[in-house]
């Protein structure tokens, strides 16, 4: 069974995904073009695109599948039968914080928001707000969200989800940085030199 915290974590995840798609639709309208670039992914980026989708499927549908087929969760060494109340409470807090961070970072991108990476499809550089402390705050929030779900509902699929997402994000980020360097030139190079990939504070550069 799932605890109330487990169900709440799944509700948070579902709510975030709805906001994610809504925000992406707003960005597409503002940019007057599609922001979905996964269809143009090639090589390792195609695997990353698959990994992003698979991570959210594992986090959301994995626990439900475990409930439908009890033999699956009975053989899962992490499954707690909803009895880890403290862990569930922590998981709700973590997943909620991650969802808010991810959505706030996404919306602050405005018309520059993209889902995936493709040549010639970048937006303008966004370096203010959350992007002063991390070049990838949306990814950070999503990883935190998935980690929170894995705490609220410990299970093999929910634990695999943030790990798979982290690999996918790290893979796509390398391609994004290469493309943005070419598209945005010196401005992006300066941004790379002062803001960390994940989290931190501005670093001074020699002039």
N, C-alpha and C. Protein backbone atom coordinates (compact mmCIF):
# COMPACT_ATOMS: atom_id res chain seq x y z
N UNK A 1 0.83 -1.19 0.00
CA UNK A 1 0.00 0.00 0.00
C UNK A 1 0.87 1.25 0.00
N UNK A 2 0.24 2.37 -0.35
CA UNK A 2 0.92 3.66 -0.30
C UNK A 2 0.38 4.47 0.87
N UNK A 3 1.24 5.21 1.51
CA UNK A 3 0.80 6.09 2.58
C UNK A 3 0.15 7.33 1.97
N UNK A 4 -0.47 8.13 2.82
CA UNK A 4 -1.02 9.39 2.34
C UNK A 4 0.07 10.28 1.75
N UNK A 5 1.26 10.20 2.32
CA UNK A 5 2.37 10.98 1.79
C UNK A 5 2.75 10.48 0.40
N UNK A 6 2.67 9.18 0.19
CA UNK A 6 2.98 8.63 -1.12
C UNK A 6 2.01 9.12 -2.18
N UNK A 7 0.72 9.09 -1.84
CA UNK A 7 -0.28 9.60 -2.79
C UNK A 7 -0.10 11.09 -3.02
N UNK A 8 0.25 11.81 -1.98
CA UNK A 8 0.47 13.25 -2.12
C UNK A 8 1.67 13.53 -3.03
N UNK A 9 2.71 12.70 -2.93
CA UNK A 9 3.88 12.87 -3.78
C UNK A 9 3.52 12.64 -5.25
N UNK A 10 2.70 11.63 -5.50
CA UNK A 10 2.27 11.38 -6.88
C UNK A 10 1.40 12.53 -7.40
N UNK A 11 0.57 13.09 -6.52
CA UNK A 11 -0.26 14.23 -6.92
C UNK A 11 0.61 15.44 -7.23
N UNK A 12 1.64 15.66 -6.41
CA UNK A 12 2.58 16.75 -6.68
C UNK A 12 3.27 16.56 -8.02
N UNK A 13 3.69 15.35 -8.30
CA UNK A 13 4.37 15.05 -9.55
C UNK A 13 3.45 15.30 -10.73
N UNK A 14 2.20 14.82 -10.62
CA UNK A 14 1.24 15.03 -11.70
C UNK A 14 0.95 16.52 -11.90
N UNK A 15 0.80 17.24 -10.79
CA UNK A 15 0.55 18.67 -10.88
C UNK A 15 1.70 19.41 -11.53
N UNK A 16 2.92 19.02 -11.17
CA UNK A 16 4.09 19.66 -11.79
C UNK A 16 4.11 19.41 -13.29
N UNK A 17 3.85 18.18 -13.70
CA UNK A 17 3.88 17.87 -15.13
C UNK A 17 2.85 18.69 -15.90
N UNK A 18 1.67 18.89 -15.31
CA UNK A 18 0.67 19.73 -15.97
C UNK A 18 1.19 21.17 -16.11
N UNK A 19 1.81 21.69 -15.05
CA UNK A 19 2.37 23.03 -15.12
C UNK A 19 3.52 23.11 -16.13
N UNK A 20 4.32 22.05 -16.21
CA UNK A 20 5.42 22.00 -17.16
C UNK A 20 4.91 22.13 -18.59
N UNK A 21 3.87 21.36 -18.93
CA UNK A 21 3.33 21.41 -20.29
C UNK A 21 2.64 22.75 -20.56
N UNK A 22 1.96 23.27 -19.55
CA UNK A 22 1.32 24.57 -19.70
C UNK A 22 2.36 25.66 -19.93
N UNK A 23 3.43 25.65 -19.13
CA UNK A 23 4.49 26.63 -19.29
C UNK A 23 5.18 26.52 -20.64
N UNK A 24 5.35 25.28 -21.11
CA UNK A 24 5.97 25.09 -22.43
C UNK A 24 5.07 25.63 -23.53
N UNK A 25 3.76 25.46 -23.38
CA UNK A 25 2.83 26.00 -24.38
C UNK A 25 2.88 27.53 -24.40
N UNK A 26 2.99 28.15 -23.22
CA UNK A 26 3.10 29.61 -23.15
C UNK A 26 4.39 30.08 -23.82
N UNK A 27 5.49 29.36 -23.59
CA UNK A 27 6.77 29.73 -24.19
C UNK A 27 6.71 29.61 -25.71
N UNK A 28 6.04 28.56 -26.20
CA UNK A 28 5.91 28.39 -27.65
C UNK A 28 5.10 29.53 -28.26
N UNK A 29 4.07 29.95 -27.54
CA UNK A 29 3.25 31.06 -28.02
C UNK A 29 4.06 32.36 -28.04
N UNK A 30 4.86 32.58 -26.99
CA UNK A 30 5.67 33.80 -26.92
C UNK A 30 6.77 33.81 -27.98
N UNK A 31 7.35 32.64 -28.25
CA UNK A 31 8.42 32.54 -29.23
C UNK A 31 7.90 32.42 -30.66
N UNK A 32 6.61 32.15 -30.78
CA UNK A 32 5.98 31.95 -32.09
C UNK A 32 6.62 30.80 -32.86
N UNK A 33 6.97 29.76 -32.12
CA UNK A 33 7.56 28.57 -32.71
C UNK A 33 7.48 27.43 -31.70
N UNK A 34 7.66 26.21 -32.15
CA UNK A 34 7.66 25.08 -31.24
C UNK A 34 8.90 25.11 -30.36
N UNK A 35 8.71 24.80 -29.09
CA UNK A 35 9.87 24.72 -28.18
C UNK A 35 10.27 23.27 -27.94
N UNK A 36 9.56 22.33 -28.55
CA UNK A 36 9.86 20.92 -28.37
C UNK A 36 10.87 20.48 -29.42
N UNK A 37 12.08 20.19 -28.96
CA UNK A 37 13.18 19.85 -29.87
C UNK A 37 13.60 18.39 -29.78
N UNK A 38 12.92 17.61 -28.95
CA UNK A 38 13.30 16.21 -28.80
C UNK A 38 13.24 15.45 -30.12
N UNK A 39 12.32 15.84 -30.99
CA UNK A 39 12.19 15.15 -32.27
C UNK A 39 13.40 15.34 -33.17
N UNK A 40 14.20 16.38 -32.90
CA UNK A 40 15.38 16.65 -33.70
C UNK A 40 16.65 16.08 -33.07
N UNK A 41 16.50 15.41 -31.95
CA UNK A 41 17.66 14.88 -31.23
C UNK A 41 18.34 13.78 -32.03
N UNK A 42 19.65 13.76 -31.95
CA UNK A 42 20.45 12.75 -32.63
C UNK A 42 21.47 12.16 -31.66
N UNK A 43 21.86 10.93 -31.90
CA UNK A 43 22.91 10.30 -31.12
C UNK A 43 22.60 10.24 -29.64
N UNK A 44 23.54 10.71 -28.82
CA UNK A 44 23.38 10.63 -27.37
C UNK A 44 22.22 11.49 -26.89
N UNK A 45 21.92 12.58 -27.63
CA UNK A 45 20.80 13.44 -27.23
C UNK A 45 19.46 12.72 -27.37
N UNK A 46 19.39 11.81 -28.33
CA UNK A 46 18.16 11.02 -28.46
C UNK A 46 17.98 10.11 -27.26
N UNK A 47 19.10 9.53 -26.80
CA UNK A 47 19.03 8.70 -25.60
C UNK A 47 18.67 9.53 -24.37
N UNK A 48 19.18 10.75 -24.32
CA UNK A 48 18.84 11.64 -23.21
C UNK A 48 17.36 11.97 -23.22
N UNK A 49 16.82 12.25 -24.41
CA UNK A 49 15.39 12.57 -24.53
C UNK A 49 14.54 11.39 -24.04
N UNK A 50 14.97 10.19 -24.41
CA UNK A 50 14.26 8.99 -23.94
C UNK A 50 14.39 8.86 -22.42
N UNK A 51 15.58 9.16 -21.91
CA UNK A 51 15.80 9.04 -20.47
C UNK A 51 14.94 9.98 -19.66
N UNK A 52 14.76 11.22 -20.15
CA UNK A 52 13.90 12.17 -19.44
C UNK A 52 12.48 11.62 -19.30
N UNK A 53 11.95 11.14 -20.41
CA UNK A 53 10.59 10.60 -20.40
C UNK A 53 10.49 9.39 -19.49
N UNK A 54 11.48 8.49 -19.62
CA UNK A 54 11.47 7.25 -18.83
C UNK A 54 11.55 7.54 -17.34
N UNK A 55 12.31 8.57 -16.96
CA UNK A 55 12.46 8.90 -15.54
C UNK A 55 11.11 9.28 -14.93
N UNK A 56 10.34 10.12 -15.62
CA UNK A 56 9.05 10.52 -15.08
C UNK A 56 8.03 9.38 -15.12
N UNK A 57 8.12 8.54 -16.14
CA UNK A 57 7.24 7.36 -16.19
C UNK A 57 7.53 6.43 -15.02
N UNK A 58 8.81 6.19 -14.75
CA UNK A 58 9.18 5.33 -13.62
C UNK A 58 8.68 5.89 -12.30
N UNK A 59 8.85 7.21 -12.12
CA UNK A 59 8.47 7.83 -10.85
C UNK A 59 6.97 7.82 -10.64
N UNK A 60 6.20 8.01 -11.71
CA UNK A 60 4.75 8.12 -11.55
C UNK A 60 4.05 6.76 -11.68
N UNK A 61 4.37 6.03 -12.72
CA UNK A 61 3.66 4.77 -12.97
C UNK A 61 4.25 3.58 -12.22
N UNK A 62 5.54 3.68 -11.86
CA UNK A 62 6.18 2.58 -11.14
C UNK A 62 5.44 2.19 -9.88
N UNK A 63 5.16 3.15 -8.96
CA UNK A 63 4.44 2.79 -7.73
C UNK A 63 3.04 2.24 -8.00
N UNK A 64 2.37 2.76 -9.03
CA UNK A 64 1.04 2.26 -9.35
C UNK A 64 1.10 0.83 -9.86
N UNK A 65 2.11 0.55 -10.68
CA UNK A 65 2.30 -0.82 -11.17
C UNK A 65 2.61 -1.77 -10.02
N UNK A 66 3.40 -1.29 -9.05
CA UNK A 66 3.73 -2.11 -7.88
C UNK A 66 2.46 -2.43 -7.08
N UNK A 67 1.50 -1.49 -7.05
CA UNK A 67 0.25 -1.74 -6.34
C UNK A 67 -0.64 -2.74 -7.06
N UNK A 68 -0.66 -2.65 -8.38
CA UNK A 68 -1.51 -3.55 -9.18
C UNK A 68 -1.01 -4.98 -9.11
N UNK A 69 0.33 -5.16 -9.14
CA UNK A 69 0.92 -6.49 -9.06
C UNK A 69 1.70 -6.61 -7.76
N UNK A 70 1.07 -7.08 -6.71
CA UNK A 70 1.73 -7.18 -5.39
C UNK A 70 3.03 -7.96 -5.40
N UNK A 71 3.16 -8.94 -6.31
CA UNK A 71 4.40 -9.72 -6.35
C UNK A 71 5.61 -8.84 -6.66
N UNK A 72 5.37 -7.73 -7.36
CA UNK A 72 6.47 -6.83 -7.69
C UNK A 72 6.96 -6.09 -6.45
N UNK A 73 6.02 -5.51 -5.68
CA UNK A 73 6.50 -4.76 -4.51
C UNK A 73 6.94 -5.69 -3.38
N UNK A 74 6.44 -6.92 -3.36
CA UNK A 74 6.89 -7.85 -2.33
C UNK A 74 8.34 -8.28 -2.54
N UNK A 75 8.78 -8.22 -3.79
CA UNK A 75 10.17 -8.59 -4.09
C UNK A 75 11.08 -7.36 -4.13
N UNK A 76 10.51 -6.19 -3.87
CA UNK A 76 11.28 -4.94 -3.90
C UNK A 76 11.87 -4.68 -2.51
N UNK A 77 13.19 -4.65 -2.37
CA UNK A 77 13.80 -4.49 -1.04
C UNK A 77 13.59 -3.10 -0.44
N UNK A 78 13.17 -2.13 -1.25
CA UNK A 78 13.00 -0.76 -0.76
C UNK A 78 11.56 -0.43 -0.36
N UNK A 79 10.63 -1.26 -0.77
CA UNK A 79 9.21 -0.98 -0.53
C UNK A 79 8.88 -1.05 0.96
N UNK A 80 8.18 -0.04 1.48
CA UNK A 80 7.95 0.03 2.92
C UNK A 80 6.50 -0.24 3.33
N UNK A 81 5.63 -0.54 2.35
CA UNK A 81 4.21 -0.74 2.63
C UNK A 81 3.57 0.52 3.26
N UNK A 82 4.15 1.68 2.96
CA UNK A 82 3.59 2.93 3.47
C UNK A 82 3.82 3.18 4.94
N UNK A 83 4.74 2.45 5.55
CA UNK A 83 4.95 2.55 7.00
C UNK A 83 6.04 3.55 7.39
N UNK A 84 6.82 4.02 6.44
CA UNK A 84 7.90 4.96 6.75
C UNK A 84 7.34 6.39 6.74
N UNK A 85 6.64 6.75 7.80
CA UNK A 85 5.93 8.04 7.85
C UNK A 85 6.89 9.21 7.82
N UNK A 86 7.95 9.16 8.60
CA UNK A 86 8.92 10.26 8.64
C UNK A 86 9.56 10.48 7.27
N UNK A 87 9.90 9.37 6.62
CA UNK A 87 10.50 9.46 5.29
C UNK A 87 9.52 10.06 4.30
N UNK A 88 8.25 9.68 4.45
CA UNK A 88 7.23 10.23 3.57
C UNK A 88 7.06 11.72 3.74
N UNK A 89 7.09 12.18 4.98
CA UNK A 89 6.96 13.62 5.26
C UNK A 89 8.13 14.39 4.66
N UNK A 90 9.33 13.88 4.83
CA UNK A 90 10.51 14.52 4.24
C UNK A 90 10.39 14.53 2.71
N UNK A 91 9.92 13.42 2.16
CA UNK A 91 9.78 13.31 0.71
C UNK A 91 8.82 14.34 0.14
N UNK A 92 7.71 14.60 0.84
CA UNK A 92 6.75 15.61 0.39
C UNK A 92 7.39 16.99 0.38
N UNK A 93 8.11 17.31 1.43
CA UNK A 93 8.77 18.61 1.51
C UNK A 93 9.78 18.77 0.38
N UNK A 94 10.61 17.74 0.17
CA UNK A 94 11.65 17.80 -0.86
C UNK A 94 11.04 17.90 -2.25
N UNK A 95 10.04 17.05 -2.52
CA UNK A 95 9.43 17.07 -3.85
C UNK A 95 8.71 18.38 -4.12
N UNK A 96 8.05 18.93 -3.11
CA UNK A 96 7.38 20.22 -3.29
C UNK A 96 8.36 21.34 -3.58
N UNK A 97 9.49 21.35 -2.85
CA UNK A 97 10.52 22.36 -3.09
C UNK A 97 11.10 22.21 -4.50
N UNK A 98 11.33 20.98 -4.92
CA UNK A 98 11.87 20.75 -6.26
C UNK A 98 10.91 21.19 -7.35
N UNK A 99 9.63 20.90 -7.17
CA UNK A 99 8.64 21.30 -8.16
C UNK A 99 8.56 22.82 -8.30
N UNK A 100 8.58 23.51 -7.17
CA UNK A 100 8.52 24.98 -7.22
C UNK A 100 9.75 25.56 -7.88
N UNK A 101 10.93 25.03 -7.55
CA UNK A 101 12.17 25.50 -8.15
C UNK A 101 12.15 25.28 -9.66
N UNK A 102 11.78 24.08 -10.08
CA UNK A 102 11.79 23.75 -11.50
C UNK A 102 10.83 24.62 -12.29
N UNK A 103 9.62 24.82 -11.76
CA UNK A 103 8.63 25.61 -12.50
C UNK A 103 9.01 27.08 -12.53
N UNK A 104 9.52 27.61 -11.40
CA UNK A 104 9.93 29.01 -11.37
C UNK A 104 11.06 29.26 -12.36
N UNK A 105 12.02 28.34 -12.43
CA UNK A 105 13.14 28.50 -13.36
C UNK A 105 12.66 28.41 -14.80
N UNK A 106 11.75 27.50 -15.07
CA UNK A 106 11.21 27.36 -16.42
C UNK A 106 10.50 28.63 -16.86
N UNK A 107 9.65 29.17 -16.01
CA UNK A 107 8.87 30.35 -16.38
C UNK A 107 9.75 31.58 -16.55
N UNK A 108 10.86 31.65 -15.79
CA UNK A 108 11.74 32.81 -15.91
C UNK A 108 12.50 32.81 -17.23
N UNK A 109 12.51 31.68 -17.94
CA UNK A 109 13.15 31.62 -19.26
C UNK A 109 12.32 32.33 -20.33
N UNK A 110 11.02 32.47 -20.11
CA UNK A 110 10.17 33.15 -21.08
C UNK A 110 10.21 32.48 -22.44
N UNK A 111 10.37 33.28 -23.48
CA UNK A 111 10.37 32.74 -24.85
C UNK A 111 11.66 32.00 -25.18
N UNK A 112 12.66 32.04 -24.30
CA UNK A 112 13.90 31.31 -24.54
C UNK A 112 13.82 29.86 -24.08
N UNK A 113 12.71 29.48 -23.46
CA UNK A 113 12.56 28.11 -22.96
C UNK A 113 12.56 27.12 -24.12
N UNK A 114 13.32 26.05 -23.99
CA UNK A 114 13.35 24.97 -24.98
C UNK A 114 13.32 23.63 -24.25
N UNK A 115 12.73 22.64 -24.90
CA UNK A 115 12.72 21.28 -24.37
C UNK A 115 13.57 20.45 -25.31
N UNK A 116 14.83 20.29 -24.96
CA UNK A 116 15.77 19.63 -25.85
C UNK A 116 16.73 20.63 -26.45
N UNK A 117 17.58 20.16 -27.34
CA UNK A 117 18.56 21.03 -27.98
C UNK A 117 18.66 20.67 -29.46
N UNK A 118 18.77 21.70 -30.30
CA UNK A 118 18.91 21.50 -31.74
C UNK A 118 19.65 22.69 -32.32
N UNK A 119 20.39 22.45 -33.37
CA UNK A 119 21.17 23.51 -34.00
C UNK A 119 20.26 24.60 -34.53
N UNK A 120 20.60 25.85 -34.24
CA UNK A 120 19.86 26.99 -34.74
C UNK A 120 18.53 27.23 -34.06
N UNK A 121 18.28 26.58 -32.91
CA UNK A 121 16.98 26.71 -32.25
C UNK A 121 17.11 27.28 -30.84
N UNK A 122 18.20 27.97 -30.56
CA UNK A 122 18.38 28.52 -29.22
C UNK A 122 17.65 29.86 -29.08
N UNK A 123 17.35 30.22 -27.85
CA UNK A 123 16.76 31.52 -27.57
C UNK A 123 17.83 32.49 -27.10
N UNK A 124 17.40 33.63 -26.59
CA UNK A 124 18.35 34.61 -26.05
C UNK A 124 18.85 34.14 -24.69
N UNK A 125 20.00 34.64 -24.29
CA UNK A 125 20.60 34.24 -23.02
C UNK A 125 19.81 34.80 -21.84
N UNK A 126 19.47 33.94 -20.89
CA UNK A 126 18.84 34.35 -19.64
C UNK A 126 19.85 34.11 -18.52
N UNK A 127 20.24 35.18 -17.83
CA UNK A 127 21.29 35.04 -16.82
C UNK A 127 20.92 35.67 -15.48
N UNK A 128 19.68 36.13 -15.34
CA UNK A 128 19.25 36.74 -14.08
C UNK A 128 18.47 35.78 -13.22
N UNK A 129 18.03 36.25 -12.05
CA UNK A 129 17.22 35.43 -11.16
C UNK A 129 17.92 34.16 -10.73
N UNK A 130 17.23 33.05 -10.82
CA UNK A 130 17.82 31.77 -10.44
C UNK A 130 19.03 31.42 -11.28
N UNK A 131 19.08 31.95 -12.49
CA UNK A 131 20.17 31.64 -13.41
C UNK A 131 21.46 32.37 -13.05
N UNK A 132 21.42 33.18 -11.99
CA UNK A 132 22.65 33.77 -11.46
C UNK A 132 23.43 32.76 -10.63
N UNK A 133 22.74 31.74 -10.13
CA UNK A 133 23.36 30.78 -9.22
C UNK A 133 23.56 29.40 -9.85
N UNK A 134 22.88 29.15 -10.94
CA UNK A 134 22.99 27.86 -11.61
C UNK A 134 22.65 28.04 -13.09
N UNK A 135 23.39 27.35 -13.94
CA UNK A 135 23.05 27.40 -15.36
C UNK A 135 21.89 26.48 -15.69
N UNK A 136 21.53 25.61 -14.75
CA UNK A 136 20.48 24.63 -15.01
C UNK A 136 19.54 24.45 -13.82
N UNK A 137 18.90 25.53 -13.35
CA UNK A 137 18.04 25.39 -12.17
C UNK A 137 16.78 24.56 -12.43
N UNK A 138 16.30 24.53 -13.67
CA UNK A 138 15.14 23.68 -13.96
C UNK A 138 15.48 22.22 -13.77
N UNK A 139 16.61 21.80 -14.33
CA UNK A 139 17.05 20.42 -14.14
C UNK A 139 17.26 20.12 -12.66
N UNK A 140 17.85 21.06 -11.95
CA UNK A 140 18.07 20.84 -10.51
C UNK A 140 16.75 20.61 -9.79
N UNK A 141 15.76 21.46 -10.09
CA UNK A 141 14.46 21.32 -9.45
C UNK A 141 13.81 19.99 -9.79
N UNK A 142 13.93 19.57 -11.03
CA UNK A 142 13.32 18.30 -11.44
C UNK A 142 13.99 17.11 -10.76
N UNK A 143 15.31 17.16 -10.62
CA UNK A 143 16.01 16.09 -9.92
C UNK A 143 15.58 16.04 -8.46
N UNK A 144 15.47 17.23 -7.83
CA UNK A 144 15.03 17.29 -6.43
C UNK A 144 13.61 16.75 -6.29
N UNK A 145 12.75 17.11 -7.23
CA UNK A 145 11.37 16.61 -7.23
C UNK A 145 11.34 15.08 -7.28
N UNK A 146 12.10 14.51 -8.21
CA UNK A 146 12.11 13.06 -8.35
C UNK A 146 12.75 12.39 -7.13
N UNK A 147 13.76 13.03 -6.56
CA UNK A 147 14.37 12.48 -5.35
C UNK A 147 13.37 12.48 -4.20
N UNK A 148 12.55 13.55 -4.12
CA UNK A 148 11.53 13.62 -3.08
C UNK A 148 10.50 12.51 -3.23
N UNK A 149 10.11 12.22 -4.47
CA UNK A 149 9.16 11.14 -4.71
C UNK A 149 9.76 9.81 -4.27
N UNK A 150 11.05 9.63 -4.53
CA UNK A 150 11.69 8.37 -4.13
C UNK A 150 11.77 8.23 -2.61
N UNK A 151 11.82 9.35 -1.89
CA UNK A 151 11.80 9.29 -0.43
C UNK A 151 10.39 8.99 0.07
N UNK A 152 9.40 9.61 -0.54
CA UNK A 152 8.01 9.39 -0.12
C UNK A 152 7.52 8.00 -0.47
N UNK A 153 8.04 7.46 -1.59
CA UNK A 153 7.64 6.12 -2.05
C UNK A 153 8.90 5.33 -2.39
N UNK A 154 9.62 4.81 -1.41
CA UNK A 154 10.84 4.07 -1.71
C UNK A 154 10.52 2.80 -2.50
N UNK A 155 11.10 2.67 -3.67
CA UNK A 155 10.88 1.51 -4.53
C UNK A 155 11.95 1.53 -5.62
N UNK A 156 12.18 0.41 -6.24
CA UNK A 156 13.19 0.34 -7.30
C UNK A 156 12.92 1.36 -8.41
N UNK A 157 11.69 1.45 -8.96
CA UNK A 157 11.49 2.43 -10.04
C UNK A 157 11.65 3.88 -9.62
N UNK A 158 11.20 4.23 -8.41
CA UNK A 158 11.31 5.63 -7.98
C UNK A 158 12.75 6.01 -7.66
N UNK A 159 13.55 5.05 -7.23
CA UNK A 159 14.97 5.32 -6.96
C UNK A 159 15.75 5.41 -8.26
N UNK A 160 15.38 4.60 -9.25
CA UNK A 160 16.04 4.68 -10.55
C UNK A 160 15.73 5.98 -11.27
N UNK A 161 14.54 6.54 -11.04
CA UNK A 161 14.08 7.72 -11.78
C UNK A 161 15.03 8.91 -11.68
N UNK A 162 15.40 9.38 -10.46
CA UNK A 162 16.32 10.53 -10.41
C UNK A 162 17.71 10.21 -10.93
N UNK A 163 18.15 8.96 -10.79
CA UNK A 163 19.46 8.59 -11.32
C UNK A 163 19.46 8.65 -12.85
N UNK A 164 18.40 8.13 -13.46
CA UNK A 164 18.27 8.18 -14.92
C UNK A 164 18.14 9.62 -15.39
N UNK A 165 17.37 10.42 -14.64
CA UNK A 165 17.20 11.82 -15.03
C UNK A 165 18.52 12.56 -14.96
N UNK A 166 19.31 12.32 -13.91
CA UNK A 166 20.61 12.98 -13.77
C UNK A 166 21.52 12.64 -14.93
N UNK A 167 21.55 11.38 -15.35
CA UNK A 167 22.36 10.99 -16.50
C UNK A 167 21.88 11.71 -17.76
N UNK A 168 20.57 11.75 -17.96
CA UNK A 168 20.02 12.39 -19.16
C UNK A 168 20.32 13.88 -19.17
N UNK A 169 20.16 14.53 -18.01
CA UNK A 169 20.43 15.96 -17.92
C UNK A 169 21.90 16.25 -18.19
N UNK A 170 22.79 15.47 -17.60
CA UNK A 170 24.22 15.68 -17.80
C UNK A 170 24.60 15.50 -19.26
N UNK A 171 23.97 14.53 -19.92
CA UNK A 171 24.24 14.29 -21.34
C UNK A 171 23.76 15.45 -22.18
N UNK A 172 22.53 15.91 -21.96
CA UNK A 172 21.99 17.00 -22.77
C UNK A 172 22.71 18.31 -22.50
N UNK A 173 23.10 18.55 -21.27
CA UNK A 173 23.78 19.80 -20.92
C UNK A 173 25.05 19.98 -21.75
N UNK A 174 25.80 18.90 -21.95
CA UNK A 174 27.03 19.01 -22.74
C UNK A 174 26.72 19.47 -24.16
N UNK A 175 25.65 18.95 -24.73
CA UNK A 175 25.26 19.36 -26.08
C UNK A 175 24.74 20.80 -26.09
N UNK A 176 23.97 21.15 -25.07
CA UNK A 176 23.44 22.52 -24.98
C UNK A 176 24.57 23.54 -24.88
N UNK A 177 25.56 23.26 -24.05
CA UNK A 177 26.65 24.20 -23.88
C UNK A 177 27.42 24.39 -25.17
N UNK A 178 27.63 23.31 -25.91
CA UNK A 178 28.33 23.42 -27.18
C UNK A 178 27.53 24.26 -28.18
N UNK A 179 26.23 24.02 -28.25
CA UNK A 179 25.38 24.76 -29.18
C UNK A 179 25.26 26.22 -28.79
N UNK A 180 25.11 26.50 -27.50
CA UNK A 180 24.98 27.87 -27.04
C UNK A 180 26.26 28.67 -27.23
N UNK A 181 27.40 28.03 -27.10
CA UNK A 181 28.66 28.71 -27.37
C UNK A 181 28.71 29.20 -28.80
N UNK A 182 28.27 28.36 -29.72
CA UNK A 182 28.28 28.74 -31.12
C UNK A 182 27.24 29.82 -31.43
N UNK A 183 26.07 29.70 -30.80
CA UNK A 183 24.98 30.62 -31.11
C UNK A 183 25.12 31.98 -30.44
N UNK A 184 25.62 31.99 -29.20
CA UNK A 184 25.63 33.23 -28.42
C UNK A 184 27.02 33.84 -28.25
N UNK A 185 28.05 33.11 -28.60
CA UNK A 185 29.39 33.65 -28.61
C UNK A 185 29.94 34.07 -27.27
N UNK A 186 30.55 35.27 -27.25
CA UNK A 186 31.28 35.75 -26.07
C UNK A 186 30.39 35.91 -24.85
N UNK A 187 29.14 36.34 -25.05
CA UNK A 187 28.23 36.51 -23.91
C UNK A 187 28.05 35.21 -23.15
N UNK A 188 27.87 34.12 -23.88
CA UNK A 188 27.67 32.83 -23.22
C UNK A 188 28.98 32.32 -22.61
N UNK A 189 30.09 32.59 -23.28
CA UNK A 189 31.39 32.18 -22.73
C UNK A 189 31.63 32.85 -21.38
N UNK A 190 31.29 34.14 -21.27
CA UNK A 190 31.43 34.83 -19.99
C UNK A 190 30.49 34.24 -18.95
N UNK A 191 29.30 33.89 -19.38
CA UNK A 191 28.34 33.27 -18.46
C UNK A 191 28.86 31.93 -17.95
N UNK A 192 29.42 31.13 -18.86
CA UNK A 192 30.02 29.85 -18.47
C UNK A 192 31.12 30.04 -17.44
N UNK A 193 31.88 31.10 -17.60
CA UNK A 193 33.03 31.33 -16.74
C UNK A 193 32.66 31.81 -15.34
N UNK A 194 31.44 32.32 -15.18
CA UNK A 194 31.09 32.92 -13.89
C UNK A 194 30.00 32.17 -13.12
N UNK A 195 29.18 31.39 -13.81
CA UNK A 195 28.07 30.70 -13.15
C UNK A 195 28.27 29.18 -13.26
N UNK A 196 28.19 28.45 -12.17
CA UNK A 196 28.43 27.00 -12.19
C UNK A 196 27.32 26.25 -12.92
N UNK A 197 27.66 25.08 -13.36
CA UNK A 197 26.70 24.26 -14.10
C UNK A 197 25.51 23.88 -13.24
N UNK A 198 25.76 23.59 -11.96
CA UNK A 198 24.67 23.14 -11.10
C UNK A 198 24.28 24.19 -10.07
N UNK A 199 25.14 24.52 -9.12
CA UNK A 199 24.75 25.52 -8.12
C UNK A 199 26.00 26.15 -7.52
N UNK A 200 25.87 27.43 -7.12
CA UNK A 200 26.99 28.12 -6.51
C UNK A 200 26.80 29.62 -6.63
N UNK A 201 27.89 30.34 -6.63
CA UNK A 201 27.85 31.79 -6.72
C UNK A 201 28.73 32.26 -7.86
N UNK A 202 28.51 33.50 -8.27
CA UNK A 202 29.30 34.07 -9.35
C UNK A 202 30.78 33.97 -9.03
N UNK A 203 31.54 33.60 -10.04
CA UNK A 203 33.00 33.59 -9.91
C UNK A 203 33.57 34.78 -10.69
N UNK A 204 34.52 35.44 -10.09
CA UNK A 204 35.15 36.57 -10.78
C UNK A 204 36.08 36.04 -11.89
N UNK A 205 36.12 36.77 -12.97
CA UNK A 205 37.04 36.41 -14.05
C UNK A 205 37.99 37.56 -14.29
N UNK A 206 39.17 37.23 -14.70
CA UNK A 206 40.14 38.29 -14.98
C UNK A 206 39.76 39.03 -16.23
N UNK A 207 39.87 40.32 -16.23
CA UNK A 207 39.50 41.14 -17.38
C UNK A 207 40.68 41.33 -18.31
